[in-house]
């Protein structure tokens, strides 16, 4: 999965917090977690995802978007 570019899990009723292990997907450009049941804070480790350009999280109750992620992605 080291070459995975797009991960679209939106609408899959995923519950809980966003796992920090997603940051291991270093080639990911699109991460779609919209319409899941996520909560908590966004892991700062996602800031290591230097190729990430699109992050879709709405509508969620997640908090604390890491600045390293916000400066790089469309949301």
N, C-alpha and C. Protein backbone atom coordinates (compact mmCIF):
# COMPACT_ATOMS: atom_id res chain seq x y z
N UNK A 1 0.82 -1.20 0.00
CA UNK A 1 0.00 0.00 0.00
C UNK A 1 0.86 1.26 0.00
N UNK A 2 2.15 1.11 -0.17
CA UNK A 2 3.02 2.27 -0.13
C UNK A 2 2.78 3.21 -1.31
N UNK A 3 2.13 2.74 -2.37
CA UNK A 3 1.87 3.58 -3.54
C UNK A 3 0.42 4.06 -3.60
N UNK A 4 -0.35 3.82 -2.57
CA UNK A 4 -1.76 4.22 -2.55
C UNK A 4 -1.88 5.74 -2.61
N UNK A 5 -2.66 6.25 -3.57
CA UNK A 5 -2.82 7.69 -3.76
C UNK A 5 -4.14 8.21 -3.23
N UNK A 6 -5.19 7.41 -3.32
CA UNK A 6 -6.53 7.85 -2.93
C UNK A 6 -7.13 6.82 -1.98
N UNK A 7 -7.62 7.30 -0.84
CA UNK A 7 -8.32 6.44 0.11
C UNK A 7 -9.67 7.07 0.38
N UNK A 8 -10.71 6.43 -0.11
CA UNK A 8 -12.06 6.95 0.04
C UNK A 8 -12.89 5.99 0.87
N UNK A 9 -13.12 6.36 2.11
CA UNK A 9 -13.90 5.54 3.03
C UNK A 9 -15.18 6.24 3.45
N UNK A 10 -15.50 7.33 2.80
CA UNK A 10 -16.67 8.12 3.14
C UNK A 10 -17.96 7.32 3.09
N UNK A 11 -18.84 7.59 4.04
CA UNK A 11 -20.14 6.96 4.08
C UNK A 11 -20.15 5.53 4.58
N UNK A 12 -19.07 5.10 5.20
CA UNK A 12 -18.97 3.71 5.64
C UNK A 12 -19.24 3.52 7.13
N UNK A 13 -19.80 4.51 7.78
CA UNK A 13 -20.16 4.42 9.20
C UNK A 13 -18.99 4.00 10.08
N UNK A 14 -17.80 4.47 9.75
CA UNK A 14 -16.64 4.22 10.60
C UNK A 14 -16.81 5.04 11.87
N UNK A 15 -16.62 4.41 13.01
CA UNK A 15 -16.86 5.04 14.31
C UNK A 15 -15.54 5.17 15.06
N UNK A 16 -15.40 6.28 15.79
CA UNK A 16 -14.22 6.46 16.64
C UNK A 16 -13.38 7.63 16.20
N UNK A 17 -12.11 7.56 16.51
CA UNK A 17 -11.20 8.64 16.16
C UNK A 17 -10.42 8.29 14.89
N UNK A 18 -9.83 9.30 14.29
CA UNK A 18 -9.02 9.08 13.09
C UNK A 18 -7.71 8.43 13.52
N UNK A 19 -7.38 7.27 12.98
CA UNK A 19 -6.16 6.60 13.42
C UNK A 19 -4.89 7.29 12.90
N UNK A 20 -3.95 7.49 13.80
CA UNK A 20 -2.68 8.13 13.43
C UNK A 20 -1.90 7.30 12.43
N UNK A 21 -2.15 6.01 12.38
CA UNK A 21 -1.43 5.12 11.48
C UNK A 21 -1.67 5.48 10.01
N UNK A 22 -2.72 6.24 9.73
CA UNK A 22 -2.95 6.68 8.35
C UNK A 22 -1.77 7.50 7.82
N UNK A 23 -1.03 8.12 8.73
CA UNK A 23 0.11 8.93 8.30
C UNK A 23 1.20 8.09 7.65
N UNK A 24 1.14 6.77 7.80
CA UNK A 24 2.10 5.89 7.13
C UNK A 24 1.84 5.78 5.63
N UNK A 25 0.68 6.26 5.19
CA UNK A 25 0.35 6.25 3.76
C UNK A 25 0.94 7.51 3.14
N UNK A 26 2.23 7.54 2.98
CA UNK A 26 2.96 8.76 2.63
C UNK A 26 2.69 9.26 1.21
N UNK A 27 2.19 8.41 0.33
CA UNK A 27 1.92 8.84 -1.04
C UNK A 27 0.47 9.28 -1.24
N UNK A 28 -0.31 9.25 -0.17
CA UNK A 28 -1.73 9.59 -0.27
C UNK A 28 -1.92 11.05 -0.65
N UNK A 29 -2.73 11.30 -1.67
CA UNK A 29 -3.06 12.66 -2.09
C UNK A 29 -4.48 13.03 -1.68
N UNK A 30 -5.36 12.03 -1.58
CA UNK A 30 -6.77 12.26 -1.23
C UNK A 30 -7.15 11.33 -0.09
N UNK A 31 -7.71 11.92 0.96
CA UNK A 31 -8.24 11.15 2.08
C UNK A 31 -9.68 11.59 2.31
N UNK A 32 -10.61 10.70 2.03
CA UNK A 32 -12.03 11.00 2.15
C UNK A 32 -12.62 10.17 3.28
N UNK A 33 -12.95 10.83 4.37
CA UNK A 33 -13.59 10.20 5.53
C UNK A 33 -14.93 10.85 5.82
N UNK A 34 -15.53 11.47 4.82
CA UNK A 34 -16.79 12.19 5.00
C UNK A 34 -17.93 11.23 5.34
N UNK A 35 -18.86 11.74 6.08
CA UNK A 35 -20.08 11.01 6.44
C UNK A 35 -19.78 9.70 7.19
N UNK A 36 -18.74 9.73 7.99
CA UNK A 36 -18.48 8.65 8.93
C UNK A 36 -18.90 9.17 10.30
N UNK A 37 -18.65 8.43 11.32
CA UNK A 37 -19.03 8.85 12.67
C UNK A 37 -17.77 9.05 13.50
N UNK A 38 -16.88 9.90 12.99
CA UNK A 38 -15.61 10.14 13.64
C UNK A 38 -15.74 11.26 14.67
N UNK A 39 -14.89 11.19 15.68
CA UNK A 39 -14.88 12.24 16.70
C UNK A 39 -13.47 12.38 17.25
N UNK A 40 -13.31 13.29 18.18
CA UNK A 40 -12.00 13.50 18.79
C UNK A 40 -11.17 14.50 18.02
N UNK A 41 -9.87 14.39 18.16
CA UNK A 41 -8.97 15.32 17.49
C UNK A 41 -8.33 14.66 16.28
N UNK A 42 -7.89 15.47 15.37
CA UNK A 42 -7.17 14.98 14.20
C UNK A 42 -5.72 14.76 14.62
N UNK A 43 -5.18 13.59 14.41
CA UNK A 43 -3.80 13.32 14.84
C UNK A 43 -2.80 14.25 14.16
N UNK A 44 -1.87 14.79 14.93
CA UNK A 44 -0.85 15.66 14.36
C UNK A 44 0.03 14.91 13.37
N UNK A 45 0.08 13.58 13.49
CA UNK A 45 0.87 12.78 12.56
C UNK A 45 0.42 12.95 11.11
N UNK A 46 -0.83 13.34 10.91
CA UNK A 46 -1.30 13.56 9.53
C UNK A 46 -0.54 14.69 8.86
N UNK A 47 0.09 15.53 9.64
CA UNK A 47 0.94 16.59 9.09
C UNK A 47 2.14 16.05 8.34
N UNK A 48 2.49 14.80 8.56
CA UNK A 48 3.62 14.17 7.87
C UNK A 48 3.24 13.72 6.47
N UNK A 49 1.98 13.78 6.15
CA UNK A 49 1.50 13.32 4.84
C UNK A 49 1.72 14.45 3.83
N UNK A 50 2.94 14.57 3.35
CA UNK A 50 3.33 15.71 2.53
C UNK A 50 2.68 15.75 1.16
N UNK A 51 2.16 14.63 0.69
CA UNK A 51 1.50 14.58 -0.62
C UNK A 51 0.00 14.87 -0.54
N UNK A 52 -0.54 14.90 0.67
CA UNK A 52 -1.98 15.07 0.85
C UNK A 52 -2.43 16.46 0.39
N UNK A 53 -3.38 16.48 -0.56
CA UNK A 53 -3.87 17.76 -1.07
C UNK A 53 -5.37 17.92 -0.84
N UNK A 54 -6.08 16.84 -0.50
CA UNK A 54 -7.51 16.93 -0.28
C UNK A 54 -7.89 16.06 0.91
N UNK A 55 -8.53 16.69 1.89
CA UNK A 55 -8.98 16.01 3.10
C UNK A 55 -10.45 16.33 3.28
N UNK A 56 -11.31 15.30 3.20
CA UNK A 56 -12.76 15.51 3.32
C UNK A 56 -13.23 14.82 4.59
N UNK A 57 -13.70 15.63 5.54
CA UNK A 57 -14.10 15.12 6.84
C UNK A 57 -15.54 15.48 7.22
N UNK A 58 -16.24 16.24 6.44
CA UNK A 58 -17.54 16.73 6.88
C UNK A 58 -18.63 15.68 6.71
N UNK A 59 -19.69 15.71 7.44
CA UNK A 59 -19.81 16.42 8.72
C UNK A 59 -19.30 15.52 9.84
N UNK A 60 -18.41 15.98 10.61
CA UNK A 60 -17.81 15.22 11.71
C UNK A 60 -17.77 16.09 12.95
N UNK A 61 -17.44 15.48 14.05
CA UNK A 61 -17.24 16.22 15.28
C UNK A 61 -15.78 16.19 15.69
N UNK A 62 -14.90 16.16 14.68
CA UNK A 62 -13.47 16.18 14.97
C UNK A 62 -13.04 17.61 15.27
N UNK A 63 -11.94 17.74 15.97
CA UNK A 63 -11.45 19.04 16.42
C UNK A 63 -9.96 19.15 16.17
N UNK A 64 -9.46 20.37 16.35
CA UNK A 64 -8.02 20.63 16.35
C UNK A 64 -7.32 20.18 15.07
N UNK A 65 -7.63 20.84 13.99
CA UNK A 65 -6.96 20.55 12.74
C UNK A 65 -5.50 20.98 12.85
N UNK A 66 -4.55 20.08 12.68
CA UNK A 66 -3.13 20.45 12.75
C UNK A 66 -2.78 21.43 11.64
N UNK A 67 -2.05 22.48 11.99
CA UNK A 67 -1.70 23.50 11.00
C UNK A 67 -0.91 22.93 9.84
N UNK A 68 -0.08 21.95 10.09
CA UNK A 68 0.70 21.34 9.01
C UNK A 68 -0.20 20.74 7.95
N UNK A 69 -1.37 20.28 8.34
CA UNK A 69 -2.33 19.72 7.38
C UNK A 69 -3.11 20.84 6.72
N UNK A 70 -3.57 21.80 7.48
CA UNK A 70 -4.40 22.88 6.94
C UNK A 70 -3.70 23.71 5.90
N UNK A 71 -2.44 23.95 6.05
CA UNK A 71 -1.71 24.77 5.09
C UNK A 71 -1.56 24.10 3.73
N UNK A 72 -1.73 22.80 3.70
CA UNK A 72 -1.45 22.06 2.47
C UNK A 72 -2.69 21.58 1.74
N UNK A 73 -3.80 21.40 2.43
CA UNK A 73 -4.93 20.72 1.80
C UNK A 73 -6.12 21.62 1.56
N UNK A 74 -6.92 21.21 0.60
CA UNK A 74 -8.25 21.79 0.41
C UNK A 74 -9.18 21.01 1.31
N UNK A 75 -10.05 21.68 2.01
CA UNK A 75 -10.95 20.97 2.93
C UNK A 75 -12.33 21.53 2.85
